């Protein structure tokens, strides 16, 4: 009932469909079929989604979870039938808290549980102290970036530096400054990486909804943490061997 009310008010993301129909879809993407080094977005974020499903769905007798039907587009998937995906419990000492605790209980201990369960969905439960020390949008950004570095083996130090420079420099720029950025060229791999990252934000939103909102939803909105042109600029300069101090604009 709560998931339905939040769904009607657009306050959660995809949770109601999973709980009511056991189904989720994402039938569009921006990917480069020729870039085989970066897996499809659907596949990159599947391990995190499997953890989120286990938070949402109760296991039956013998510990088996109901399967979730995924309609996720990626190269080679004709989308003629859903893939049946097995929920997988994240690694949390003492097991995953139940939804009644995560959604309805109050108090500092529960807030900590919400945050740690959220991080566990991205295999980052051991990084809670460091992430909590950051501003919420930056912590969410770092959570997603760390997950990407674990999942995509082809990401380089230059890619990492470009992402970090983006989040460090974004806050100090006005909308007019961002709109006025001029790019001599656009790199297709940079566009692909940017699209992968923005798709990851939807996975953060889903985990946040499932775990009882350890973050405010507005802190996870794309415009808080990402700008396509600024990322392109940082990506190109990083790959051209620009110094870190210059890349971070002295910040």
Protein backbone atom coordinates (compact mmCIF):
# COMPACT_ATOMS: atom_id res chain seq x y z
CA UNK A 1 0.00 0.00 0.00
CA UNK A 2 2.80 2.43 0.88
CA UNK A 3 4.66 1.58 -2.35
CA UNK A 4 1.45 2.23 -4.31
CA UNK A 5 0.90 5.62 -2.64
CA UNK A 6 4.52 6.64 -3.27
CA UNK A 7 4.25 5.41 -6.87
CA UNK A 8 1.17 7.56 -7.49
CA UNK A 9 3.02 10.58 -6.08
CA UNK A 10 6.15 9.73 -8.15
CA UNK A 11 8.13 9.36 -4.93
CA UNK A 12 9.67 5.97 -5.62
CA UNK A 13 11.25 4.43 -8.69
CA UNK A 14 10.03 1.10 -10.19
CA UNK A 15 9.45 -0.40 -6.72
CA UNK A 16 5.67 -0.78 -7.07
CA UNK A 17 5.99 -2.69 -10.37
CA UNK A 18 8.45 -5.13 -8.81
CA UNK A 19 6.29 -5.69 -5.73
CA UNK A 20 2.97 -5.97 -7.59
CA UNK A 21 3.98 -7.70 -10.86
CA UNK A 22 7.50 -8.99 -10.26
CA UNK A 23 8.50 -7.13 -13.42
CA UNK A 24 10.78 -4.27 -14.49
CA UNK A 25 11.59 -2.80 -17.90
CA UNK A 26 14.11 -0.52 -19.54
CA UNK A 27 13.63 -0.68 -23.29
CA UNK A 28 15.92 2.15 -24.42
CA UNK A 29 19.62 2.84 -24.17
CA UNK A 30 22.45 4.88 -25.65
CA UNK A 31 25.28 2.44 -26.31
CA UNK A 32 27.97 1.85 -28.89
CA UNK A 33 27.63 -1.69 -30.26
CA UNK A 34 31.19 -1.48 -31.61
CA UNK A 35 32.67 -0.74 -28.16
CA UNK A 36 32.86 -4.28 -26.82
CA UNK A 37 35.04 -3.21 -23.85
CA UNK A 38 32.07 -1.60 -22.07
CA UNK A 39 29.29 -4.12 -21.31
CA UNK A 40 25.64 -3.19 -21.85
CA UNK A 41 24.20 -0.98 -19.11
CA UNK A 42 21.63 -3.67 -18.31
CA UNK A 43 24.43 -6.12 -17.56
CA UNK A 44 26.64 -3.68 -15.63
CA UNK A 45 23.89 -2.91 -13.11
CA UNK A 46 22.31 -6.36 -12.93
CA UNK A 47 24.30 -7.46 -9.80
CA UNK A 48 23.06 -4.33 -7.96
CA UNK A 49 19.47 -4.95 -9.14
CA UNK A 50 19.66 -8.55 -7.91
CA UNK A 51 20.56 -7.27 -4.44
CA UNK A 52 17.72 -4.71 -4.57
CA UNK A 53 15.23 -7.45 -5.52
CA UNK A 54 16.27 -9.49 -2.48
CA UNK A 55 15.68 -6.46 -0.22
CA UNK A 56 12.17 -6.08 -1.66
CA UNK A 57 11.02 -9.70 -1.99
CA UNK A 58 10.72 -12.17 0.84
CA UNK A 59 12.29 -15.57 0.36
CA UNK A 60 9.96 -18.56 0.65
CA UNK A 61 10.57 -22.03 2.05
CA UNK A 62 14.13 -23.19 1.57
CA UNK A 63 15.32 -19.61 1.14
CA UNK A 64 14.27 -19.37 -2.53
CA UNK A 65 13.18 -15.98 -3.87
CA UNK A 66 10.57 -15.40 -6.58
CA UNK A 67 12.22 -14.64 -9.93
CA UNK A 68 11.93 -11.13 -11.40
CA UNK A 69 11.05 -10.62 -15.07
CA UNK A 70 13.46 -8.15 -16.67
CA UNK A 71 12.82 -6.48 -20.02
CA UNK A 72 16.19 -4.74 -20.38
CA UNK A 73 17.60 -3.77 -23.76
CA UNK A 74 21.26 -4.50 -24.60
CA UNK A 75 23.15 -5.58 -27.69
CA UNK A 76 22.05 -9.10 -28.71
CA UNK A 77 18.86 -9.14 -26.61
CA UNK A 78 15.83 -9.15 -28.98
CA UNK A 79 13.38 -8.36 -26.10
CA UNK A 80 10.95 -11.01 -27.32
CA UNK A 81 10.58 -12.44 -23.84
CA UNK A 82 11.70 -11.34 -20.36
CA UNK A 83 14.82 -12.69 -18.70
CA UNK A 84 14.07 -14.38 -15.37
CA UNK A 85 16.49 -12.97 -12.80
CA UNK A 86 17.31 -14.50 -9.44
CA UNK A 87 17.42 -12.10 -6.45
CA UNK A 88 20.68 -12.40 -4.48
CA UNK A 89 21.12 -11.38 -0.85
CA UNK A 90 23.73 -8.65 -0.31
CA UNK A 91 26.46 -9.29 2.25
CA UNK A 92 25.13 -7.69 5.45
CA UNK A 93 26.16 -8.89 8.94
CA UNK A 94 23.05 -10.37 10.53
CA UNK A 95 21.23 -10.59 7.18
CA UNK A 96 19.07 -8.14 5.24
CA UNK A 97 16.60 -6.15 7.41
CA UNK A 98 12.97 -6.71 6.46
CA UNK A 99 10.93 -4.07 4.65
CA UNK A 100 8.82 -3.21 7.70
CA UNK A 101 11.99 -2.21 9.53
CA UNK A 102 13.50 -0.31 6.59
CA UNK A 103 10.29 1.52 5.67
CA UNK A 104 8.48 2.13 8.96
CA UNK A 105 10.86 1.94 11.94
CA UNK A 106 12.40 5.09 13.39
CA UNK A 107 15.61 5.96 15.19
CA UNK A 108 19.36 6.33 14.54
CA UNK A 109 19.95 2.56 14.43
CA UNK A 110 17.41 2.15 11.64
CA UNK A 111 18.87 5.11 9.74
CA UNK A 112 22.24 3.36 9.91
CA UNK A 113 20.63 0.12 8.69
CA UNK A 114 19.05 1.92 5.74
CA UNK A 115 22.38 3.43 4.73
CA UNK A 116 24.36 0.21 5.15
CA UNK A 117 21.74 -1.83 3.24
CA UNK A 118 21.84 0.71 0.42
CA UNK A 119 25.66 0.48 0.26
CA UNK A 120 25.54 -3.33 0.40
CA UNK A 121 23.48 -3.34 -2.80
CA UNK A 122 26.59 -1.88 -4.49
CA UNK A 123 29.15 -4.03 -2.58
CA UNK A 124 30.28 -0.99 -0.57
CA UNK A 125 29.15 -1.81 2.98
CA UNK A 126 32.76 -1.52 4.20
CA UNK A 127 32.99 2.11 3.03
CA UNK A 128 30.17 3.55 5.13
CA UNK A 129 32.28 5.81 7.32
CA UNK A 130 34.11 7.45 4.40
CA UNK A 131 30.94 7.96 2.36
CA UNK A 132 28.93 9.39 5.26
CA UNK A 133 31.61 12.07 5.70
CA UNK A 134 30.74 13.48 2.24
CA UNK A 135 27.82 15.67 1.16
CA UNK A 136 24.90 13.45 0.13
CA UNK A 137 25.04 14.04 -3.67
CA UNK A 138 28.84 13.54 -3.67
CA UNK A 139 28.53 10.37 -1.56
CA UNK A 140 25.96 8.96 -4.00
CA UNK A 141 28.20 9.90 -6.95
CA UNK A 142 31.20 8.18 -5.34
CA UNK A 143 29.10 5.12 -4.53
CA UNK A 144 28.12 4.77 -8.19
CA UNK A 145 31.64 5.48 -9.44
CA UNK A 146 33.20 2.88 -7.11
CA UNK A 147 30.63 0.31 -8.26
CA UNK A 148 31.43 1.07 -11.92
CA UNK A 149 35.15 0.68 -11.31
CA UNK A 150 34.46 -2.79 -9.85
CA UNK A 151 32.13 -3.89 -12.65
CA UNK A 152 33.81 -2.50 -15.79
CA UNK A 153 37.38 -3.75 -16.07
CA UNK A 154 38.19 -1.51 -19.07
CA UNK A 155 37.81 1.75 -17.10
CA UNK A 156 41.13 3.57 -16.84
CA UNK A 157 42.70 6.00 -14.38
CA UNK A 158 41.98 8.77 -16.93
CA UNK A 159 38.28 7.83 -16.90
CA UNK A 160 38.24 7.87 -13.09
CA UNK A 161 39.98 11.28 -12.99
CA UNK A 162 37.44 12.70 -15.47
CA UNK A 163 34.52 11.59 -13.30
CA UNK A 164 36.10 12.93 -10.10
CA UNK A 165 36.92 16.25 -11.79
CA UNK A 166 33.29 16.46 -12.94
CA UNK A 167 31.81 16.17 -9.43
CA UNK A 168 34.45 18.47 -7.88
CA UNK A 169 33.99 21.23 -10.49
CA UNK A 170 30.24 20.97 -11.15
CA UNK A 171 29.09 22.67 -7.95
CA UNK A 172 30.95 25.90 -8.66
CA UNK A 173 29.46 26.40 -12.13
CA UNK A 174 26.27 28.27 -12.99
CA UNK A 175 23.77 27.03 -15.57
CA UNK A 176 24.95 29.80 -17.92
CA UNK A 177 28.58 28.67 -17.60
CA UNK A 178 27.62 25.08 -18.34
CA UNK A 179 25.48 26.12 -21.30
CA UNK A 180 28.35 28.22 -22.66
CA UNK A 181 30.89 25.37 -22.69
CA UNK A 182 32.28 24.89 -26.19
CA UNK A 183 33.55 21.48 -27.31
CA UNK A 184 35.73 21.18 -30.40
CA UNK A 185 34.73 17.54 -30.77
CA UNK A 186 32.80 14.80 -29.00
CA UNK A 187 34.35 11.42 -28.23
CA UNK A 188 31.93 8.50 -28.75
CA UNK A 189 33.43 6.48 -25.86
CA UNK A 190 33.00 9.52 -23.58
CA UNK A 191 29.33 9.76 -24.58
CA UNK A 192 28.94 6.02 -23.94
CA UNK A 193 30.50 6.33 -20.46
CA UNK A 194 28.32 9.34 -19.64
CA UNK A 195 25.20 7.40 -20.64
CA UNK A 196 26.32 4.42 -18.53
CA UNK A 197 26.74 6.71 -15.53
CA UNK A 198 23.36 8.44 -15.93
CA UNK A 199 21.66 5.05 -16.26
CA UNK A 200 23.37 4.10 -13.01
CA UNK A 201 21.61 6.98 -11.29
CA UNK A 202 18.30 5.21 -11.95
CA UNK A 203 19.72 2.17 -10.13
CA UNK A 204 20.67 4.43 -7.19
CA UNK A 205 17.10 5.79 -7.14
CA UNK A 206 15.68 2.26 -7.10
CA UNK A 207 18.00 1.20 -4.26
CA UNK A 208 17.13 4.35 -2.33
CA UNK A 209 13.39 3.62 -2.65
CA UNK A 210 13.87 -0.02 -1.64
CA UNK A 211 15.99 0.78 1.43
CA UNK A 212 13.61 3.35 2.96
CA UNK A 213 15.27 6.53 1.61
CA UNK A 214 18.68 6.84 3.28
CA UNK A 215 19.14 9.73 0.78
CA UNK A 216 16.66 12.43 -0.16
CA UNK A 217 15.49 11.68 -3.70
CA UNK A 218 16.44 15.19 -4.86
CA UNK A 219 20.08 14.50 -3.89
CA UNK A 220 20.16 11.70 -6.48
CA UNK A 221 18.74 13.68 -9.39
CA UNK A 222 21.01 13.81 -12.49
CA UNK A 223 21.32 17.60 -12.49
CA UNK A 224 22.83 17.48 -8.99
CA UNK A 225 25.77 15.31 -10.03
CA UNK A 226 26.18 15.24 -13.81
CA UNK A 227 26.55 17.51 -16.82
CA UNK A 228 27.19 15.95 -20.21
CA UNK A 229 29.27 18.75 -21.72
CA UNK A 230 31.39 19.24 -18.61
CA UNK A 231 32.06 15.50 -18.46
CA UNK A 232 33.08 15.50 -22.14
CA UNK A 233 35.51 18.35 -21.49
CA UNK A 234 37.03 16.62 -18.44
CA UNK A 235 37.16 13.27 -20.28
CA UNK A 236 39.02 14.70 -23.27
CA UNK A 237 41.47 16.73 -21.19
CA UNK A 238 42.18 13.79 -18.88
CA UNK A 239 42.94 11.53 -21.86
CA UNK A 240 45.17 14.25 -23.34
CA UNK A 241 47.40 14.09 -20.26
CA UNK A 242 46.20 17.28 -18.57
CA UNK A 243 47.65 17.70 -15.02
CA UNK A 244 45.38 16.85 -12.09
CA UNK A 245 45.57 20.39 -10.69
CA UNK A 246 44.44 21.81 -14.03
CA UNK A 247 41.75 19.13 -14.44
CA UNK A 248 40.35 20.01 -10.98
CA UNK A 249 40.61 23.77 -11.75
CA UNK A 250 42.79 24.24 -8.69
CA UNK A 251 40.02 22.99 -6.36
